[in-house]
Amino acid sequence: MRHLSTTTTTAVVALISAVLATAKQAWPPLMEKSSLWSAYDSFLSKAKYIDLTHTIRPDMPIWRGFGNISFSPAVNKDTGQAFAYATDGFVANAYKLTTDQMGAQLDAPAHFNAHYAASDEIPSTFALRKLCVIDVSAQARKNASYAVAVEDVLGWEAEHGRVPRGSVVFVRSDWSRTWPHVDTDVFPQVSLEVVQFLHLQRGILFHGHEPLDTDMTPHFDAEAWILGHGYAQAEGVMNLHLLPPKGCLLSTGFPKFKGGAGNYVRYVAVCPEDWPHGVAPGQAPEAPLQYFEKAIAWDAQKGYRSRN
């Protein structure tokens, strides 16, 4: 191998130093410790994480207009036999999903309006936002079809401050606490006036609720307005009774089905370190994940893999 001359070596070192200096000036997060990493170390690594998502299973509640869903073992197309640990070293599942509107979901505007974003066109900026929780569970206990009013939002603001622009607002009704034994025909509602107020007066990103529909009006007035005007909404969320009214963040993650009208979503609330609910990183097995003494196996009666 030929060796570079001293002059050439000096020139190369000088060039590399210049490039690194320019990169450091232009992209300091790449050259120094990122402020986001510092924020994670200081706050998010100690935060409490609370799952707000129902597990998708074939016997879960679903809107009566959609067909039933089903699970089955995935089958090797060459042999016609289900994949098995003993013969293939792995297993896989196959899912018959009759709709993209079930469980914890994010309605894309294309659900009602073909000219607005489908699921795969929702921007990645939805991933992390401030979360406000408006509690109307007391009203819902007295009236199963209670419709959230603007006065409920103003009451929340009187105690907790103005709803932040770009935030997510979830409405707690406790409807989901009896899941899966819930009434999908009669449920707490979010009124048209409220969603218009939150979007037009407060500039929120989207709102969410526990039931599988927004309202019980004949023409889905609130839902039709939301989606028809290009806004998204969350449905079928849970565990809102474990959250404070303010102070948490909402993590939203979902697959990108091309042209989807809705999406199955994993909603996770990220709450302050001193919050009594949730789990912090490192408090549960993560890498490796939990080992179970009882193996998971296909349960033909239940229609999914189970350890029970």
Protein backbone atom coordinates (compact mmCIF):
# COMPACT_ATOMS: atom_id res chain seq x y z
CA MET A 1 0.00 0.00 0.00
CA ARG A 2 1.34 3.39 -0.91
CA HIS A 3 1.71 5.88 1.89
CA LEU A 4 0.50 9.46 1.62
CA SER A 5 3.12 12.15 1.78
CA THR A 6 3.31 14.32 4.86
CA THR A 7 1.97 17.27 2.87
CA THR A 8 -0.96 15.25 1.56
CA THR A 9 -1.73 13.82 4.97
CA THR A 10 -1.71 17.29 6.49
CA ALA A 11 -4.08 18.51 3.76
CA VAL A 12 -6.48 15.59 4.30
CA VAL A 13 -6.54 16.14 8.07
CA ALA A 14 -7.19 19.82 7.54
CA LEU A 15 -10.05 19.04 5.13
CA ILE A 16 -11.65 16.57 7.56
CA SER A 17 -11.34 19.07 10.41
CA ALA A 18 -13.00 21.74 8.29
CA VAL A 19 -15.88 19.43 7.37
CA LEU A 20 -16.41 18.42 11.01
CA ALA A 21 -16.34 22.04 12.13
CA THR A 22 -18.92 22.97 9.49
CA ALA A 23 -21.12 20.00 10.42
CA LYS A 24 -20.90 20.86 14.10
CA GLN A 25 -21.99 24.42 13.39
CA ALA A 26 -24.81 23.39 11.06
CA TRP A 27 -26.04 20.31 12.91
CA PRO A 28 -25.13 20.62 16.61
CA PRO A 29 -27.45 17.80 17.69
CA LEU A 30 -25.39 15.39 15.54
CA MET A 31 -22.11 16.50 17.06
CA GLU A 32 -23.08 17.09 20.66
CA LYS A 33 -25.46 15.51 23.13
CA SER A 34 -28.97 16.09 21.82
CA SER A 35 -31.29 18.23 23.94
CA LEU A 36 -34.00 15.63 23.24
CA TRP A 37 -31.79 12.94 24.71
CA SER A 38 -31.27 15.15 27.74
CA ALA A 39 -35.04 15.59 28.03
CA TYR A 40 -35.46 11.83 27.86
CA ASP A 41 -32.84 11.23 30.55
CA SER A 42 -34.31 13.93 32.77
CA PHE A 43 -38.02 13.29 32.33
CA LEU A 44 -39.20 10.57 29.96
CA SER A 45 -36.94 7.83 31.35
CA LYS A 46 -38.62 8.33 34.73
CA ALA A 47 -42.15 9.04 33.47
CA LYS A 48 -45.11 6.72 34.02
CA TYR A 49 -46.53 5.10 30.88
CA ILE A 50 -50.21 4.13 30.81
CA ASP A 51 -51.75 2.06 28.00
CA LEU A 52 -55.05 3.50 26.76
CA THR A 53 -55.66 0.75 24.20
CA HIS A 54 -58.02 -2.21 24.09
CA THR A 55 -56.50 -5.51 22.99
CA ILE A 56 -57.88 -6.55 19.60
CA ARG A 57 -59.60 -9.92 19.86
CA PRO A 58 -62.37 -11.63 17.90
CA ASP A 59 -64.97 -11.32 20.66
CA MET A 60 -64.51 -7.58 21.18
CA PRO A 61 -67.43 -5.15 20.77
CA ILE A 62 -67.83 -3.77 17.27
CA TRP A 63 -70.35 -1.52 15.57
CA ARG A 64 -73.36 -3.61 14.54
CA GLY A 65 -73.01 -2.62 10.86
CA PHE A 66 -69.65 -4.41 10.50
CA GLY A 67 -69.17 -8.15 10.21
CA ASN A 68 -67.43 -10.25 12.84
CA ILE A 69 -63.65 -10.52 12.81
CA SER A 70 -61.73 -13.77 13.24
CA PHE A 71 -58.20 -15.01 13.93
CA SER A 72 -56.59 -18.24 12.75
CA PRO A 73 -53.13 -19.83 12.64
CA ALA A 74 -51.20 -18.75 9.54
CA VAL A 75 -50.87 -21.56 7.02
CA ASN A 76 -47.86 -22.47 4.89
CA LYS A 77 -49.10 -22.00 1.32
CA ASP A 78 -46.85 -24.81 0.07
CA THR A 79 -47.99 -27.50 2.54
CA GLY A 80 -51.43 -26.31 3.54
CA GLN A 81 -50.44 -26.85 7.19
CA ALA A 82 -50.35 -24.30 9.96
CA PHE A 83 -46.89 -23.11 10.93
CA ALA A 84 -45.78 -24.79 14.18
CA TYR A 85 -42.85 -24.54 16.57
CA ALA A 86 -42.14 -28.26 16.18
CA THR A 87 -41.98 -28.32 12.38
CA ASP A 88 -41.08 -24.78 11.37
CA GLY A 89 -39.47 -23.28 14.45
CA PHE A 90 -42.04 -20.49 14.60
CA VAL A 91 -45.76 -19.71 14.48
CA ALA A 92 -47.72 -16.87 12.88
CA ASN A 93 -51.31 -15.69 12.86
CA ALA A 94 -53.77 -14.76 10.13
CA TYR A 95 -56.44 -12.14 10.76
CA LYS A 96 -59.77 -11.59 9.03
CA LEU A 97 -60.55 -7.97 9.77
CA THR A 98 -63.89 -6.82 8.42
CA THR A 99 -63.22 -3.16 9.13
CA ASP A 100 -60.53 -0.65 10.09
CA GLN A 101 -63.00 0.83 12.58
CA MET A 102 -62.71 -1.13 15.81
CA GLY A 103 -61.11 -1.00 19.22
CA ALA A 104 -58.86 1.96 19.93
CA GLN A 105 -58.76 3.71 16.60
CA LEU A 106 -57.93 6.92 14.81
CA ASP A 107 -60.58 7.98 12.32
CA ALA A 108 -59.04 9.52 9.23
CA PRO A 109 -61.07 12.26 7.52
CA ALA A 110 -61.32 10.04 4.42
CA HIS A 111 -63.76 7.93 6.47
CA PHE A 112 -66.40 10.56 5.59
CA ASN A 113 -64.76 12.79 2.99
CA ALA A 114 -62.80 11.42 0.02
CA HIS A 115 -60.91 14.70 -0.46
CA TYR A 116 -59.19 14.66 2.95
CA ALA A 117 -56.37 12.50 4.31
CA ALA A 118 -56.57 8.72 4.48
CA SER A 119 -54.80 6.84 7.28
CA ASP A 120 -51.47 6.63 5.48
CA GLU A 121 -51.62 10.38 4.75
CA ILE A 122 -51.81 11.45 8.40
CA PRO A 123 -48.49 13.15 9.26
CA SER A 124 -45.98 11.67 11.68
CA THR A 125 -46.30 14.83 13.80
CA PHE A 126 -49.35 13.19 15.43
CA ALA A 127 -46.89 10.98 17.34
CA LEU A 128 -46.53 13.04 20.54
CA ARG A 129 -48.78 15.80 21.91
CA LYS A 130 -50.01 17.40 25.12
CA LEU A 131 -53.04 15.58 26.53
CA CYS A 132 -56.05 17.10 28.29
CA VAL A 133 -58.65 14.86 29.95
CA ILE A 134 -62.13 16.30 30.52
CA ASP A 135 -64.04 14.19 33.04
CA VAL A 136 -67.82 13.86 32.56
CA SER A 137 -68.09 10.46 34.23
CA ALA A 138 -70.37 11.83 36.97
CA GLN A 139 -72.80 13.16 34.38
CA ALA A 140 -72.63 9.89 32.42
CA ARG A 141 -73.50 7.87 35.52
CA LYS A 142 -76.75 9.82 35.78
CA ASN A 143 -77.45 9.88 32.04
CA ALA A 144 -76.06 7.06 29.88
CA SER A 145 -76.38 9.17 26.73
CA TYR A 146 -75.02 12.39 28.22
CA ALA A 147 -73.65 14.75 25.56
CA VAL A 148 -70.55 16.73 26.54
CA ALA A 149 -71.32 20.45 26.44
CA VAL A 150 -69.16 23.53 25.90
CA GLU A 151 -69.79 24.33 29.57
CA ASP A 152 -67.88 21.16 30.48
CA VAL A 153 -64.87 22.41 28.53
CA LEU A 154 -65.10 25.88 30.08
CA GLY A 155 -65.37 24.30 33.53
CA TRP A 156 -62.17 22.35 32.85
CA GLU A 157 -60.44 25.53 31.72
CA ALA A 158 -61.55 27.43 34.82
CA GLU A 159 -59.62 24.94 36.92
CA HIS A 160 -56.73 23.95 34.67
CA GLY A 161 -56.18 26.81 32.24
CA ARG A 162 -56.92 27.20 28.55
CA VAL A 163 -56.82 24.07 26.39
CA PRO A 164 -53.45 24.33 24.57
CA ARG A 165 -53.43 24.82 20.82
CA GLY A 166 -52.30 21.65 19.03
CA SER A 167 -53.12 19.42 22.00
CA VAL A 168 -55.31 16.32 22.16
CA VAL A 169 -58.47 16.36 24.27
CA PHE A 170 -59.86 13.06 25.57
CA VAL A 171 -63.30 12.88 27.15
CA ARG A 172 -63.55 10.58 30.15
CA SER A 173 -66.99 9.00 30.59
CA ASP A 174 -65.98 5.63 32.16
CA TRP A 175 -68.06 3.88 29.46
CA SER A 176 -65.08 1.59 28.73
CA ARG A 177 -64.65 0.38 32.31
CA THR A 178 -67.15 -2.46 31.76
CA TRP A 179 -65.50 -3.52 28.47
CA PRO A 180 -66.26 -5.81 26.72
CA HIS A 181 -69.74 -5.76 28.27
CA VAL A 182 -70.70 -2.34 26.95
CA ASP A 183 -73.79 -0.93 25.27
CA THR A 184 -72.81 0.11 21.76
CA ASP A 185 -76.27 1.57 21.08
CA VAL A 186 -76.54 3.91 24.07
CA PHE A 187 -73.40 5.72 25.18
CA PRO A 188 -72.01 9.10 26.35
CA GLN A 189 -71.71 11.50 23.42
CA VAL A 190 -69.57 14.42 22.30
CA SER A 191 -71.79 17.15 20.91
CA LEU A 192 -71.37 19.00 17.65
CA GLU A 193 -71.01 22.27 19.56
CA VAL A 194 -68.11 20.88 21.59
CA VAL A 195 -66.07 19.58 18.65
CA GLN A 196 -66.63 22.85 16.78
CA PHE A 197 -65.54 24.83 19.85
CA LEU A 198 -62.43 22.71 20.41
CA HIS A 199 -61.29 22.89 16.80
CA LEU A 200 -62.35 26.41 15.83
CA GLN A 201 -61.84 28.23 19.13
CA ARG A 202 -59.02 26.23 20.72
CA GLY A 203 -57.22 24.81 17.68
CA ILE A 204 -56.76 21.27 19.04
CA LEU A 205 -55.17 18.50 16.98
CA PHE A 206 -57.94 15.98 17.64
CA HIS A 207 -60.32 14.84 20.36
CA GLY A 208 -61.05 11.33 21.58
CA HIS A 209 -63.72 9.41 23.49
CA GLU A 210 -64.31 5.98 24.97
CA PRO A 211 -67.35 4.79 22.95
CA LEU A 212 -67.06 3.51 19.39
CA ASP A 213 -69.07 6.44 18.00
CA THR A 214 -69.03 10.18 18.63
CA ASP A 215 -72.76 10.82 18.90
CA MET A 216 -76.16 9.13 18.61
CA THR A 217 -77.81 11.61 16.24
CA PRO A 218 -79.50 10.14 13.13
CA HIS A 219 -76.86 11.58 10.79
CA PHE A 220 -73.81 11.40 13.11
CA ASP A 221 -73.75 15.21 13.29
CA ALA A 222 -70.56 15.65 15.33
CA GLU A 223 -68.60 12.90 13.58
CA ALA A 224 -69.74 14.06 10.15
CA TRP A 225 -68.61 17.62 10.89
CA ILE A 226 -65.22 16.52 12.26
CA LEU A 227 -64.28 14.22 9.40
CA GLY A 228 -66.03 16.28 6.75
CA HIS A 229 -63.86 19.27 7.63
CA GLY A 230 -60.54 17.43 7.55
CA TYR A 231 -60.06 16.64 11.24
CA ALA A 232 -59.22 13.25 12.76
CA GLN A 233 -60.66 11.78 15.96
CA ALA A 234 -59.88 8.99 18.41
CA GLU A 235 -62.47 6.40 19.39
CA GLY A 236 -62.49 3.40 21.69
CA VAL A 237 -59.88 4.60 24.18
CA MET A 238 -59.67 3.23 27.73
CA ASN A 239 -58.09 3.79 31.16
CA LEU A 240 -58.85 7.50 31.19
CA HIS A 241 -59.77 7.15 34.87
CA LEU A 242 -56.06 6.54 35.53
CA LEU A 243 -55.00 9.92 34.11
CA PRO A 244 -54.78 13.40 35.62
CA PRO A 245 -56.73 16.20 33.90
CA LYS A 246 -53.51 17.77 32.57
CA GLY A 247 -49.75 17.27 32.54
CA CYS A 248 -49.44 14.07 30.47
CA LEU A 249 -48.36 13.58 26.88
CA LEU A 250 -50.10 11.30 24.39
CA SER A 251 -48.12 8.89 22.22
CA THR A 252 -49.99 7.79 19.09
CA GLY A 253 -48.70 4.94 16.93
CA PHE A 254 -50.48 3.17 14.10
CA PRO A 255 -49.81 1.11 10.95
CA LYS A 256 -50.02 2.74 7.53
CA PHE A 257 -52.75 1.00 5.57
CA LYS A 258 -52.85 2.50 2.09
CA GLY A 259 -56.04 4.48 1.63
CA GLY A 260 -57.32 3.56 5.10
CA ALA A 261 -60.50 5.18 6.44
CA GLY A 262 -59.48 4.40 10.01
CA ASN A 263 -56.68 2.71 11.88
CA TYR A 264 -55.92 0.45 14.79
CA VAL A 265 -53.92 2.57 17.22
CA ARG A 266 -51.73 2.08 20.28
CA TYR A 267 -52.41 5.11 22.49
CA VAL A 268 -50.06 5.51 25.46
CA ALA A 269 -50.19 8.32 28.01
CA VAL A 270 -46.82 9.54 29.29
CA CYS A 271 -47.37 11.00 32.75
CA PRO A 272 -45.18 12.69 35.38
CA GLU A 273 -42.76 10.62 37.46
CA ASP A 274 -44.73 11.12 40.68
CA TRP A 275 -48.06 10.03 39.19
CA PRO A 276 -49.31 6.93 41.11
CA HIS A 277 -50.42 4.98 38.02
CA GLY A 278 -48.48 3.49 35.13
CA VAL A 279 -45.05 1.94 34.76
CA ALA A 280 -41.66 3.57 34.19
CA PRO A 281 -38.97 2.25 31.82
CA GLY A 282 -37.09 -0.58 33.51
CA GLN A 283 -39.88 -1.48 35.92
CA ALA A 284 -41.10 -4.29 33.66
CA PRO A 285 -39.07 -6.73 31.56
CA GLU A 286 -38.16 -5.05 28.27
CA ALA A 287 -35.01 -6.52 26.74
CA PRO A 288 -35.40 -9.41 26.93
CA LEU A 289 -39.19 -9.28 27.32
CA GLN A 290 -41.06 -11.27 29.94
CA TYR A 291 -40.65 -15.06 30.02
CA PHE A 292 -43.81 -17.01 30.87
CA GLU A 293 -43.72 -20.45 32.43
CA LYS A 294 -46.88 -21.37 30.52
CA ALA A 295 -46.43 -21.44 26.76
CA ILE A 296 -48.83 -19.59 24.52
CA ALA A 297 -50.93 -21.94 22.38
CA TRP A 298 -53.78 -21.80 19.92
CA ASP A 299 -57.16 -22.02 21.69
CA ALA A 300 -59.75 -23.16 19.16
CA GLN A 301 -62.63 -22.35 21.50
CA LYS A 302 -61.50 -18.77 22.05
CA GLY A 303 -60.27 -18.31 18.52
CA TYR A 304 -56.84 -16.87 19.39
CA ARG A 305 -53.54 -17.80 21.03
CA SER A 306 -53.77 -17.79 24.80
CA ARG A 307 -51.84 -18.79 27.92
CA ASN A 308 -55.03 -19.59 29.86
